[in-house]
Protein backbone atom coordinates (compact mmCIF):
# COMPACT_ATOMS: atom_id res chain seq x y z
CA UNK A 1 90.45 186.64 80.66
CA UNK A 2 93.62 188.71 79.57
CA UNK A 3 95.21 188.64 75.91
CA UNK A 4 98.35 186.39 77.40
CA UNK A 5 95.71 184.01 78.97
CA UNK A 6 94.08 183.34 75.77
CA UNK A 7 97.13 183.03 74.00
CA UNK A 8 98.59 180.50 76.26
CA UNK A 9 95.01 178.59 76.23
CA UNK A 10 95.53 178.48 72.32
CA UNK A 11 98.93 177.18 72.18
CA UNK A 12 97.76 174.26 74.80
CA UNK A 13 94.95 173.83 72.76
CA UNK A 14 96.89 173.26 69.85
CA UNK A 15 99.21 171.25 71.21
CA UNK A 16 96.60 169.00 72.18
CA UNK A 17 94.55 168.89 68.74
CA UNK A 18 98.31 167.97 67.18
CA UNK A 19 98.66 165.24 69.38
CA UNK A 20 95.34 163.65 68.92
CA UNK A 21 95.91 163.90 65.13
CA UNK A 22 99.31 162.27 65.30
CA UNK A 23 97.57 159.29 67.38
CA UNK A 24 95.08 159.07 64.84
CA UNK A 25 97.27 158.94 61.97
CA UNK A 26 100.10 157.03 63.74
CA UNK A 27 100.17 153.19 62.53
CA UNK A 28 99.01 150.65 64.99
CA UNK A 29 101.79 148.48 66.38
CA UNK A 30 101.40 144.97 64.80
CA UNK A 31 100.93 141.84 67.03
CA UNK A 32 102.91 139.07 65.69
CA UNK A 33 102.17 135.31 66.84
CA UNK A 34 104.85 132.76 66.48
CA UNK A 35 105.59 129.14 67.63
CA UNK A 36 108.70 126.85 67.10
CA UNK A 37 110.26 123.38 68.14
CA UNK A 38 113.34 122.45 68.72
CA UNK A 39 114.55 118.81 68.76
CA UNK A 40 117.53 117.09 70.64
CA UNK A 41 118.69 113.25 70.31
CA UNK A 42 119.57 111.65 73.26
CA UNK A 43 120.71 108.11 73.80
CA UNK A 44 118.63 105.97 76.23
CA UNK A 45 120.47 105.38 79.37
CA UNK A 46 118.33 102.91 81.17
CA UNK A 47 117.45 99.45 80.55
CA UNK A 48 113.65 98.72 81.68
CA UNK A 49 112.37 95.24 81.73
CA UNK A 50 109.21 93.66 82.79
CA UNK A 51 109.10 89.99 84.12
CA UNK A 52 106.01 88.54 84.65
CA UNK A 53 104.70 85.92 86.94
CA UNK A 54 101.61 84.32 85.71
CA UNK A 55 99.62 80.80 87.12
CA UNK A 56 96.26 79.41 86.50
CA UNK A 57 94.59 77.25 88.97
CA UNK A 58 90.76 76.20 89.90
CA UNK A 59 90.93 79.02 92.39
CA UNK A 60 91.65 82.69 92.75
CA UNK A 61 93.60 81.59 95.77
CA UNK A 62 95.71 79.15 94.14
CA UNK A 63 96.40 80.88 91.45
CA UNK A 64 97.74 83.71 93.49
CA UNK A 65 100.33 81.84 95.70
CA UNK A 66 102.31 80.81 93.12
CA UNK A 67 102.31 84.24 91.60
CA UNK A 68 103.36 85.49 95.04
CA UNK A 69 106.05 83.09 95.60
CA UNK A 70 107.45 83.89 92.09
CA UNK A 71 107.49 87.45 92.78
CA UNK A 72 109.36 87.14 96.15
CA UNK A 73 111.76 85.25 94.85
CA UNK A 74 112.25 87.45 91.76
CA UNK A 75 112.30 90.42 93.94
CA UNK A 76 115.02 88.87 96.27
CA UNK A 77 117.22 88.05 93.15
CA UNK A 78 117.02 91.54 91.87
CA UNK A 79 117.84 93.59 94.91
CA UNK A 80 120.91 91.63 95.38
CA UNK A 81 122.21 92.79 91.86
CA UNK A 82 123.90 96.26 92.10
CA UNK A 83 122.39 99.10 90.15
CA UNK A 84 119.09 97.57 89.87
CA UNK A 85 115.72 99.27 90.67
CA UNK A 86 113.03 96.57 91.28
CA UNK A 87 109.40 96.99 92.20
CA UNK A 88 106.24 94.80 91.80
CA UNK A 89 103.03 96.70 89.81
CA UNK A 90 100.33 95.46 88.14
CA UNK A 91 98.46 92.55 90.31
CA UNK A 92 95.48 91.14 88.63
CA UNK A 93 93.40 88.12 89.42
CA UNK A 94 90.50 87.21 87.11
CA UNK A 95 88.45 84.70 85.99
CA UNK A 96 89.21 82.17 82.81
CA UNK A 97 85.60 82.03 81.27
CA UNK A 98 82.19 83.25 82.46
CA UNK A 99 81.55 79.97 84.03
CA UNK A 100 84.74 80.25 86.28
CA UNK A 101 86.21 76.83 85.59
CA UNK A 102 89.31 78.44 86.45
CA UNK A 103 91.41 81.50 87.27
CA UNK A 104 94.47 83.70 86.35
CA UNK A 105 96.67 85.64 88.20
CA UNK A 106 99.33 87.80 87.16
CA UNK A 107 102.10 90.41 88.51
CA UNK A 108 104.58 92.39 86.96
CA UNK A 109 108.23 92.73 88.29
CA UNK A 110 109.55 95.93 86.83
CA UNK A 111 113.56 96.09 86.50
CA UNK A 112 115.78 99.45 86.02
CA UNK A 113 119.19 99.91 85.33
CA UNK A 114 122.06 101.81 83.72
CA UNK A 115 124.12 98.80 83.58
CA UNK A 116 122.96 97.10 80.60
CA UNK A 117 125.12 93.89 80.75
CA UNK A 118 123.74 93.12 84.35
CA UNK A 119 120.26 93.46 83.90
CA UNK A 120 119.76 91.47 80.89
CA UNK A 121 122.19 88.77 82.97
CA UNK A 122 119.49 89.44 85.74
CA UNK A 123 116.84 88.65 83.14
CA UNK A 124 118.05 85.53 82.23
CA UNK A 125 118.15 84.28 85.55
CA UNK A 126 114.78 85.37 86.37
CA UNK A 127 113.52 83.81 83.12
CA UNK A 128 115.19 80.03 84.57
CA UNK A 129 113.24 80.89 87.73
CA UNK A 130 109.85 80.86 85.57
CA UNK A 131 109.19 84.68 85.06
CA UNK A 132 108.30 85.36 81.43
CA UNK A 133 109.69 88.68 79.57
CA UNK A 134 106.96 90.76 79.02
CA UNK A 135 108.83 93.93 77.45
CA UNK A 136 112.60 94.84 77.40
CA UNK A 137 114.26 97.91 76.03
CA UNK A 138 116.16 101.12 76.65
CA UNK A 139 114.42 104.23 77.97
CA UNK A 140 115.57 107.73 78.42
CA UNK A 141 115.82 108.46 82.20
CA UNK A 142 113.76 111.66 83.92
CA UNK A 143 117.07 113.30 84.76
CA UNK A 144 118.42 113.04 80.95
CA UNK A 145 115.20 114.04 79.41
CA UNK A 146 114.75 116.90 81.49
CA UNK A 147 118.21 117.98 80.45
CA UNK A 148 117.52 117.25 76.57
CA UNK A 149 114.20 119.27 76.97
CA UNK A 150 116.08 122.23 78.41
CA UNK A 151 118.66 122.11 75.30
CA UNK A 152 115.64 121.53 73.19
CA UNK A 153 113.78 124.43 74.62
CA UNK A 154 116.87 126.56 74.01
CA UNK A 155 117.17 125.63 70.26
CA UNK A 156 113.30 126.37 69.94
CA UNK A 157 114.04 129.92 71.35
CA UNK A 158 116.70 130.51 68.81
CA UNK A 159 114.45 129.43 65.91
CA UNK A 160 111.37 131.79 67.45
CA UNK A 161 113.66 134.79 67.33
CA UNK A 162 115.31 134.12 64.15
CA UNK A 163 111.77 133.50 62.50
CA UNK A 164 110.42 136.73 64.17
CA UNK A 165 113.29 138.94 63.07
CA UNK A 166 112.81 137.23 59.28
CA UNK A 167 109.01 138.16 59.51
CA UNK A 168 109.61 141.51 60.72
CA UNK A 169 112.18 142.41 57.96
CA UNK A 170 109.70 141.09 55.31
CA UNK A 171 106.96 142.85 56.72
CA UNK A 172 109.01 145.97 56.55
CA UNK A 173 109.21 146.78 60.45
CA UNK A 174 111.11 145.97 63.52
CA UNK A 175 110.85 144.05 66.33
CA UNK A 176 109.71 146.21 69.31
CA UNK A 177 109.32 144.18 72.45
CA UNK A 178 108.18 140.33 73.16
CA UNK A 179 104.70 140.78 75.10
CA UNK A 180 104.06 136.77 75.98
CA UNK A 181 106.32 133.70 75.96
CA UNK A 182 105.07 130.14 76.38
CA UNK A 183 107.09 127.18 77.27
CA UNK A 184 105.91 123.64 77.14
CA UNK A 185 106.82 121.37 80.25
CA UNK A 186 108.81 118.31 80.27
CA UNK A 187 106.63 115.01 79.62
CA UNK A 188 107.71 111.44 80.10
CA UNK A 189 105.90 109.04 77.74
CA UNK A 190 103.70 106.84 79.62
CA UNK A 191 104.31 102.97 80.05
CA UNK A 192 101.94 100.59 78.85
CA UNK A 193 102.28 97.36 80.92
CA UNK A 194 102.29 94.22 78.60
CA UNK A 195 98.58 92.57 79.13
CA UNK A 196 100.26 89.19 78.50
CA UNK A 197 103.59 87.39 79.04
CA UNK A 198 105.98 86.68 75.86
CA UNK A 199 107.08 83.33 75.36
CA UNK A 200 109.56 82.19 77.81
CA UNK A 201 113.17 82.59 76.18
CA UNK A 202 115.97 80.05 77.27
CA UNK A 203 119.57 80.95 78.20
CA UNK A 204 121.75 82.79 77.09
CA UNK A 205 120.40 85.93 78.51
CA UNK A 206 118.35 88.35 75.84
CA UNK A 207 120.10 91.18 74.16
CA UNK A 208 118.89 94.88 73.86
CA UNK A 209 120.27 97.57 71.47
CA UNK A 210 119.78 101.20 72.38
CA UNK A 211 118.77 103.55 69.75
CA UNK A 212 118.83 107.45 69.71
CA UNK A 213 115.60 108.80 70.97
CA UNK A 214 114.11 112.75 69.93
CA UNK A 215 113.45 114.87 72.86
CA UNK A 216 111.14 117.89 71.67
CA UNK A 217 110.43 121.45 72.98
CA UNK A 218 107.65 123.62 72.08
CA UNK A 219 107.69 127.45 72.37
CA UNK A 220 105.18 130.17 71.29
CA UNK A 221 105.58 133.94 71.63
CA UNK A 222 103.62 137.36 70.67
CA UNK A 223 105.99 139.91 69.18
CA UNK A 224 105.05 143.61 69.01
CA UNK A 225 106.24 145.11 65.57
CA UNK A 226 106.37 148.52 64.92
CA UNK A 227 107.60 150.92 61.65
């Protein structure tokens, strides 16, 4: 090996040793785990009523006959009202006691509408037909909930970025890049159908007032910090 070859080899070796030494002494990047939430208030835009048909008789068939008739009449009355969505749900039949001296049949007529006055008037008419009000309240529609959740996610991301910048400054570091971001999905609170009918209310139609509801979104991320 010539002298020039030895010289080049020595230079390359020195450079490699220098790079290894720098890699060993350079501080490792720090991983910062953060999470944040955002909340948006919305006014419910959909009135939901559960109207119950309930009957007790000596046999299951007899108990069912009146319930079926009440639901059919209620469905016909409801679908005639513009802007009202109606569906029959939650059918059940069971004995009154262990000796089966009687049977109870029950079904729920679920009503939804963005037109509160029209639905409240309908509820009053259905009560006069023999249906009982199981529940009556305003809810956030799926479309409005999705929109509010997107807005809440944006607020959460802004909060997350501000927290990351503040943490990096406090640690004497700077944000290099985001390694991972996790967003939650829109969730609709489950509805619980009433187990028993409330007492029938006489005319005039019942009232229901919409109150604002919080829609919350959660986000989390891993930030890489460097000097």
